[in-house]
Structures are given as structure tokens and as C-alpha cells.
Amino acid sequence: MTDNIGKINSTRRLVKAGVLPPTAAFTGHCGDDVCTFDANASSNEEGAITGYARDVGDGATGTGRMACRS
């Protein structure tokens, strides 16, 4: 912070946003060259899950709770 005559002071603190990490869980099904993924079984004891990301191992990535891939 800076006061009205230009003096400066600062403080640092480590703040943890929650204690427990979310639990990632999903189901997948492939058939007829199309795979679907559903991460609806994922949970977070400390609140809502605000984002999903996936990497299927072949360079393709995606976001969202539900996904289809051909």
C-alpha cells in the first residue's frame, strides 16, 4: 500500500483455498468409433466444481463435464 505522501509498505500471507482437493471420477463408453465421457460422479466436499479438463493421452484435450469424441 502507499499512503498520501508516498510511503510504501507491504505484507505477504499464504492463504489456502480449502483443505481437501476435489475428487475426480468419470465413466467412459466407446462404441461405433465414438467415445463418451461423463464426469458427473466427481465431487468437492468444500463447494461446487467450477471446471473440468481432460487429456485422453493421444494429444487431444477437452473441457466440460460431458464430452463425446470420435
N, C-alpha and C. Protein backbone atom coordinates (compact mmCIF):
# COMPACT_ATOMS: atom_id res chain seq x y z
N MET A 1 0.84 -1.16 0.00
CA MET A 1 0.00 0.00 0.00
C MET A 1 0.88 1.22 0.00
N THR A 2 0.31 2.32 -0.45
CA THR A 2 1.02 3.60 -0.49
C THR A 2 0.13 4.64 0.16
N ASP A 3 0.74 5.45 1.05
CA ASP A 3 -0.07 6.49 1.70
C ASP A 3 -0.04 7.78 0.90
N ASN A 4 -0.66 8.81 1.43
CA ASN A 4 -0.82 10.07 0.70
C ASN A 4 0.48 10.86 0.51
N ILE A 5 1.57 10.47 1.21
CA ILE A 5 2.84 11.16 0.99
C ILE A 5 3.88 10.24 0.35
N GLY A 6 3.42 9.09 -0.20
CA GLY A 6 4.29 8.23 -0.97
C GLY A 6 5.02 7.14 -0.21
N LYS A 7 4.78 6.99 1.08
CA LYS A 7 5.41 5.91 1.84
C LYS A 7 4.74 4.59 1.47
N ILE A 8 5.56 3.55 1.31
CA ILE A 8 5.08 2.25 0.84
C ILE A 8 5.34 1.18 1.89
N ASN A 9 4.41 0.25 2.04
CA ASN A 9 4.56 -0.90 2.92
C ASN A 9 3.80 -2.07 2.30
N SER A 10 4.28 -3.29 2.54
CA SER A 10 3.59 -4.47 2.01
C SER A 10 3.69 -5.62 2.99
N THR A 11 2.77 -6.56 2.87
CA THR A 11 2.74 -7.76 3.68
C THR A 11 2.33 -8.92 2.78
N ARG A 12 2.93 -10.09 3.02
CA ARG A 12 2.55 -11.29 2.27
C ARG A 12 2.02 -12.33 3.24
N ARG A 13 0.98 -13.03 2.81
CA ARG A 13 0.42 -14.13 3.59
C ARG A 13 0.02 -15.23 2.65
N LEU A 14 0.28 -16.46 3.08
CA LEU A 14 -0.17 -17.62 2.33
C LEU A 14 -1.58 -17.97 2.80
N VAL A 15 -2.51 -18.01 1.87
CA VAL A 15 -3.89 -18.34 2.19
C VAL A 15 -4.26 -19.57 1.37
N LYS A 16 -4.68 -20.62 2.05
CA LYS A 16 -5.09 -21.84 1.35
C LYS A 16 -6.58 -21.77 1.08
N ALA A 17 -6.93 -22.05 -0.14
CA ALA A 17 -8.34 -22.08 -0.54
C ALA A 17 -8.87 -23.49 -0.35
N GLY A 18 -9.23 -23.81 0.85
CA GLY A 18 -9.75 -25.14 1.15
C GLY A 18 -8.66 -26.08 1.60
N VAL A 19 -9.06 -27.15 2.21
CA VAL A 19 -8.11 -28.12 2.74
C VAL A 19 -8.09 -29.38 1.89
N LEU A 20 -9.22 -29.80 1.40
CA LEU A 20 -9.31 -31.05 0.64
C LEU A 20 -9.41 -30.77 -0.86
N PRO A 21 -8.68 -31.51 -1.68
CA PRO A 21 -8.83 -31.34 -3.13
C PRO A 21 -10.13 -32.00 -3.60
N PRO A 22 -10.64 -31.60 -4.75
CA PRO A 22 -11.83 -32.28 -5.28
C PRO A 22 -11.48 -33.71 -5.69
N THR A 23 -12.49 -34.54 -5.79
CA THR A 23 -12.31 -35.93 -6.20
C THR A 23 -12.78 -36.07 -7.65
N ALA A 24 -11.87 -36.45 -8.52
CA ALA A 24 -12.22 -36.63 -9.93
C ALA A 24 -12.69 -38.07 -10.14
N ALA A 25 -13.84 -38.21 -10.79
CA ALA A 25 -14.39 -39.53 -11.10
C ALA A 25 -15.18 -39.41 -12.39
N PHE A 26 -15.06 -40.39 -13.27
CA PHE A 26 -15.81 -40.33 -14.53
C PHE A 26 -16.09 -41.73 -15.04
N THR A 27 -17.04 -41.80 -15.94
CA THR A 27 -17.31 -43.03 -16.67
C THR A 27 -17.06 -42.77 -18.14
N GLY A 28 -16.73 -43.81 -18.86
CA GLY A 28 -16.50 -43.68 -20.29
C GLY A 28 -17.07 -44.88 -21.01
N HIS A 29 -17.53 -44.63 -22.22
CA HIS A 29 -18.08 -45.70 -23.04
C HIS A 29 -17.71 -45.42 -24.49
N CYS A 30 -17.20 -46.42 -25.16
CA CYS A 30 -16.85 -46.28 -26.58
C CYS A 30 -17.60 -47.31 -27.41
N GLY A 31 -18.11 -46.87 -28.52
CA GLY A 31 -18.80 -47.76 -29.46
C GLY A 31 -18.98 -47.06 -30.79
N ASP A 32 -18.91 -47.78 -31.87
CA ASP A 32 -19.08 -47.21 -33.22
C ASP A 32 -18.16 -46.01 -33.44
N ASP A 33 -16.91 -46.12 -33.04
CA ASP A 33 -15.90 -45.08 -33.22
C ASP A 33 -16.21 -43.76 -32.50
N VAL A 34 -17.08 -43.79 -31.50
CA VAL A 34 -17.39 -42.60 -30.70
C VAL A 34 -17.26 -42.97 -29.23
N CYS A 35 -16.57 -42.13 -28.48
CA CYS A 35 -16.43 -42.33 -27.03
C CYS A 35 -17.13 -41.19 -26.31
N THR A 36 -17.83 -41.53 -25.24
CA THR A 36 -18.46 -40.51 -24.40
C THR A 36 -17.85 -40.59 -23.01
N PHE A 37 -17.68 -39.44 -22.39
CA PHE A 37 -17.13 -39.34 -21.05
C PHE A 37 -18.09 -38.52 -20.20
N ASP A 38 -18.33 -38.96 -18.97
CA ASP A 38 -19.24 -38.27 -18.06
C ASP A 38 -18.55 -38.15 -16.71
N ALA A 39 -18.25 -36.92 -16.30
CA ALA A 39 -17.58 -36.67 -15.03
C ALA A 39 -18.57 -36.26 -13.94
N ASN A 40 -19.83 -36.62 -14.11
CA ASN A 40 -20.85 -36.25 -13.14
C ASN A 40 -20.60 -36.84 -11.75
N ALA A 41 -19.84 -37.92 -11.65
CA ALA A 41 -19.56 -38.56 -10.37
C ALA A 41 -18.46 -37.83 -9.59
N SER A 42 -17.82 -36.82 -10.18
CA SER A 42 -16.80 -36.05 -9.47
C SER A 42 -17.46 -35.26 -8.35
N SER A 43 -16.69 -34.97 -7.29
CA SER A 43 -17.26 -34.26 -6.15
C SER A 43 -16.23 -33.34 -5.50
N ASN A 44 -16.74 -32.40 -4.72
CA ASN A 44 -15.92 -31.49 -3.96
C ASN A 44 -16.63 -31.21 -2.65
N GLU A 45 -16.07 -31.66 -1.55
CA GLU A 45 -16.70 -31.51 -0.24
C GLU A 45 -16.79 -30.05 0.20
N GLU A 46 -16.02 -29.18 -0.42
CA GLU A 46 -15.97 -27.79 0.03
C GLU A 46 -16.73 -26.83 -0.88
N GLY A 47 -17.50 -27.34 -1.83
CA GLY A 47 -18.26 -26.45 -2.70
C GLY A 47 -18.42 -27.02 -4.09
N ALA A 48 -18.84 -26.16 -4.99
CA ALA A 48 -19.12 -26.57 -6.36
C ALA A 48 -17.83 -26.78 -7.15
N ILE A 49 -17.88 -27.67 -8.12
CA ILE A 49 -16.78 -27.84 -9.06
C ILE A 49 -17.01 -26.81 -10.16
N THR A 50 -15.99 -26.02 -10.44
CA THR A 50 -16.15 -24.92 -11.39
C THR A 50 -15.50 -25.18 -12.74
N GLY A 51 -14.78 -26.29 -12.90
CA GLY A 51 -14.17 -26.57 -14.19
C GLY A 51 -13.74 -28.02 -14.31
N TYR A 52 -13.73 -28.50 -15.52
CA TYR A 52 -13.30 -29.86 -15.83
C TYR A 52 -12.29 -29.80 -16.97
N ALA A 53 -11.27 -30.63 -16.92
CA ALA A 53 -10.29 -30.72 -18.01
C ALA A 53 -9.91 -32.17 -18.18
N ARG A 54 -9.71 -32.60 -19.42
CA ARG A 54 -9.33 -33.99 -19.64
C ARG A 54 -8.26 -34.08 -20.73
N ASP A 55 -7.46 -35.12 -20.60
CA ASP A 55 -6.41 -35.44 -21.56
C ASP A 55 -6.49 -36.94 -21.75
N VAL A 56 -6.87 -37.38 -22.94
CA VAL A 56 -7.08 -38.81 -23.19
C VAL A 56 -5.80 -39.54 -23.59
N GLY A 57 -4.68 -38.83 -23.62
CA GLY A 57 -3.41 -39.49 -23.83
C GLY A 57 -2.90 -39.51 -25.26
N ASP A 58 -3.68 -39.01 -26.21
CA ASP A 58 -3.23 -39.02 -27.60
C ASP A 58 -3.01 -37.60 -28.13
N GLY A 59 -2.89 -36.66 -27.22
CA GLY A 59 -2.71 -35.26 -27.60
C GLY A 59 -4.00 -34.46 -27.61
N ALA A 60 -5.14 -35.13 -27.60
CA ALA A 60 -6.42 -34.43 -27.58
C ALA A 60 -6.78 -34.08 -26.14
N THR A 61 -7.27 -32.88 -25.94
CA THR A 61 -7.70 -32.43 -24.62
C THR A 61 -9.10 -31.86 -24.74
N GLY A 62 -9.74 -31.64 -23.61
CA GLY A 62 -11.07 -31.05 -23.63
C GLY A 62 -11.47 -30.54 -22.27
N THR A 63 -12.59 -29.85 -22.25
CA THR A 63 -13.14 -29.32 -21.01
C THR A 63 -14.62 -29.64 -20.96
N GLY A 64 -15.21 -29.50 -19.81
CA GLY A 64 -16.65 -29.73 -19.64
C GLY A 64 -16.92 -31.05 -18.94
N ARG A 65 -18.06 -31.12 -18.27
CA ARG A 65 -18.45 -32.32 -17.51
C ARG A 65 -18.77 -33.49 -18.43
N MET A 66 -19.38 -33.23 -19.58
CA MET A 66 -19.74 -34.29 -20.53
C MET A 66 -18.98 -34.06 -21.83
N ALA A 67 -18.60 -35.14 -22.49
CA ALA A 67 -17.87 -35.00 -23.76
C ALA A 67 -18.10 -36.21 -24.64
N CYS A 68 -18.10 -35.96 -25.94
CA CYS A 68 -18.12 -37.03 -26.94
C CYS A 68 -16.89 -36.85 -27.79
N ARG A 69 -16.36 -37.96 -28.26
CA ARG A 69 -15.14 -37.92 -29.07
C ARG A 69 -15.20 -39.01 -30.12
N SER A 70 -14.91 -38.67 -31.34
CA SER A 70 -14.86 -39.70 -32.39
C SER A 70 -13.46 -39.91 -32.88
